Amino acid sequence: MRFMEAYFFSFDGTKIFYRYMPLNKKKPVLVFIHSLGSNWTLWKQELLIFEKKGYSTLTFDLRGHGLSGIPLHDEDYLFPNFAK
């Protein structure tokens, strides 16, 4: 099966990149979130390991990181906006 790379728009219009690999529907989807100053590629090794074990995986670039958009205002970087 092939992974899907796409974008969605967050509540404030920021373009967010994600990568999803759908595999075994009987296993949970594992979600990988990178840290400050990084991007989704931080998890490449782990994604391969868990995907070989049949787990679906989801990872994305946080706002202002990697392939995601850069918010217009400083307050758009407040923690609650990352959580939304």
C-alpha atoms as a PDB file:
ATOM      1  CA  MET A   1       0.000   0.000   0.000  1.00  0.00           C
ATOM      2  CA  ARG A   2       1.153   3.536  -0.725  1.00  0.00           C
ATOM      3  CA  PHE A   3       1.214   6.408   1.749  1.00  0.00           C
ATOM      4  CA  MET A   4      -0.746   9.594   1.201  1.00  0.00           C
ATOM      5  CA  GLU A   5       0.788  13.057   1.452  1.00  0.00           C
ATOM      6  CA  ALA A   6      -1.599  15.998   1.456  1.00  0.00           C
ATOM      7  CA  TYR A   7      -2.565  19.265   3.119  1.00  0.00           C
ATOM      8  CA  PHE A   8      -5.479  20.522   5.163  1.00  0.00           C
ATOM      9  CA  PHE A   9      -6.259  23.992   6.454  1.00  0.00           C
ATOM     10  CA  SER A  10      -6.381  24.590  10.195  1.00  0.00           C
ATOM     11  CA  PHE A  11      -9.030  26.678  11.952  1.00  0.00           C
ATOM     12  CA  ASP A  12      -7.121  29.895  11.158  1.00  0.00           C
ATOM     13  CA  GLY A  13      -6.349  29.062   7.538  1.00  0.00           C
ATOM     14  CA  THR A  14      -2.758  27.853   8.053  1.00  0.00           C
ATOM     15  CA  LYS A  15      -1.885  25.138   5.519  1.00  0.00           C
ATOM     16  CA  ILE A  16      -0.784  21.958   7.366  1.00  0.00           C
ATOM     17  CA  PHE A  17       1.130  19.127   5.653  1.00  0.00           C
ATOM     18  CA  TYR A  18       0.542  15.508   6.679  1.00  0.00           C
ATOM     19  CA  ARG A  19       1.628  12.008   5.707  1.00  0.00           C
ATOM     20  CA  TYR A  20      -0.691   9.042   6.303  1.00  0.00           C
ATOM     21  CA  MET A  21      -0.008   5.356   5.698  1.00  0.00           C
ATOM     22  CA  PRO A  22      -3.189   3.277   6.051  1.00  0.00           C
ATOM     23  CA  LEU A  23      -2.437  -0.366   6.789  1.00  0.00           C
ATOM     24  CA  ASN A  24      -4.111  -2.865   9.130  1.00  0.00           C
ATOM     25  CA  LYS A  25      -7.513  -1.527  10.257  1.00  0.00           C
ATOM     26  CA  LYS A  26      -7.456  -3.889  13.243  1.00  0.00           C
ATOM     27  CA  LYS A  27      -4.422  -2.123  14.730  1.00  0.00           C
ATOM     28  CA  PRO A  28      -4.389   1.430  16.082  1.00  0.00           C
ATOM     29  CA  VAL A  29      -3.095   4.357  14.056  1.00  0.00           C
ATOM     30  CA  LEU A  30       0.180   5.623  15.521  1.00  0.00           C
ATOM     31  CA  VAL A  31       0.547   9.413  15.486  1.00  0.00           C
ATOM     32  CA  PHE A  32       4.034  10.961  15.456  1.00  0.00           C
ATOM     33  CA  ILE A  33       4.508  14.637  16.387  1.00  0.00           C
ATOM     34  CA  HIS A  34       7.896  16.307  15.979  1.00  0.00           C
ATOM     35  CA  SER A  35       9.453  18.821  18.346  1.00  0.00           C
ATOM     36  CA  LEU A  36      10.250  22.513  17.941  1.00  0.00           C
ATOM     37  CA  GLY A  37      12.545  23.284  15.007  1.00  0.00           C
ATOM     38  CA  SER A  38      12.069  19.929  13.294  1.00  0.00           C
ATOM     39  CA  ASN A  39       9.613  18.375  10.838  1.00  0.00           C
ATOM     40  CA  TRP A  40       7.886  15.063  10.090  1.00  0.00           C
ATOM     41  CA  THR A  41      11.072  13.520   8.646  1.00  0.00           C
ATOM     42  CA  LEU A  42      12.434  13.223  12.197  1.00  0.00           C
ATOM     43  CA  TRP A  43      10.331  10.042  12.418  1.00  0.00           C
ATOM     44  CA  LYS A  44      11.302   8.330   9.124  1.00  0.00           C
ATOM     45  CA  GLN A  45      13.097   5.377  10.791  1.00  0.00           C
ATOM     46  CA  GLU A  46      10.289   4.784  13.297  1.00  0.00           C
ATOM     47  CA  LEU A  47       7.638   5.028  10.600  1.00  0.00           C
ATOM     48  CA  LEU A  48       9.358   2.283   8.595  1.00  0.00           C
ATOM     49  CA  ILE A  49       9.651   0.020  11.647  1.00  0.00           C
ATOM     50  CA  PHE A  50       6.003   0.326  12.673  1.00  0.00           C
ATOM     51  CA  GLU A  51       4.658   0.183   9.117  1.00  0.00           C
ATOM     52  CA  LYS A  52       6.546  -3.108   8.575  1.00  0.00           C
ATOM     53  CA  LYS A  53       4.671  -4.391  11.663  1.00  0.00           C
ATOM     54  CA  GLY A  54       1.360  -3.457  10.049  1.00  0.00           C
ATOM     55  CA  TYR A  55       0.542  -0.287  11.991  1.00  0.00           C
ATOM     56  CA  SER A  56      -1.055   2.637  10.201  1.00  0.00           C
ATOM     57  CA  THR A  57       0.913   5.828  10.789  1.00  0.00           C
ATOM     58  CA  LEU A  58       0.141   9.525  10.704  1.00  0.00           C
ATOM     59  CA  THR A  59       2.677  12.326  10.961  1.00  0.00           C
ATOM     60  CA  PHE A  60       2.548  15.986  10.075  1.00  0.00           C
ATOM     61  CA  ASP A  61       4.478  19.222  10.124  1.00  0.00           C
ATOM     62  CA  LEU A  62       3.431  21.654  12.823  1.00  0.00           C
ATOM     63  CA  ARG A  63       2.553  25.193  11.745  1.00  0.00           C
ATOM     64  CA  GLY A  64       5.650  27.082  10.636  1.00  0.00           C
ATOM     65  CA  HIS A  65       7.689  23.867  10.244  1.00  0.00           C
ATOM     66  CA  GLY A  66       8.681  21.750   7.243  1.00  0.00           C
ATOM     67  CA  LEU A  67       6.092  21.791   4.478  1.00  0.00           C
ATOM     68  CA  SER A  68       3.361  23.467   6.542  1.00  0.00           C
ATOM     69  CA  GLY A  69       2.457  27.100   6.165  1.00  0.00           C
ATOM     70  CA  ILE A  70       3.784  29.987   8.213  1.00  0.00           C
ATOM     71  CA  PRO A  71       1.124  31.819  10.230  1.00  0.00           C
ATOM     72  CA  LEU A  72       0.869  35.567   9.713  1.00  0.00           C
ATOM     73  CA  HIS A  73       0.811  36.692  13.349  1.00  0.00           C
ATOM     74  CA  ASP A  74       3.051  35.892  16.338  1.00  0.00           C
ATOM     75  CA  GLU A  75       0.017  34.988  18.468  1.00  0.00           C
ATOM     76  CA  ASP A  76      -0.770  32.221  15.956  1.00  0.00           C
ATOM     77  CA  TYR A  77       2.165  30.338  17.511  1.00  0.00           C
ATOM     78  CA  LEU A  78       0.572  30.150  20.977  1.00  0.00           C
ATOM     79  CA  PHE A  79       0.349  26.602  22.299  1.00  0.00           C
ATOM     80  CA  PRO A  80      -3.485  26.397  22.206  1.00  0.00           C
ATOM     81  CA  ASN A  81      -3.342  27.029  18.450  1.00  0.00           C
ATOM     82  CA  PHE A  82      -1.027  24.036  17.978  1.00  0.00           C
ATOM     83  CA  ALA A  83      -3.520  21.911  19.923  1.00  0.00           C
ATOM     84  CA  LYS A  84      -6.534  23.047  17.874  1.00  0.00           C
END
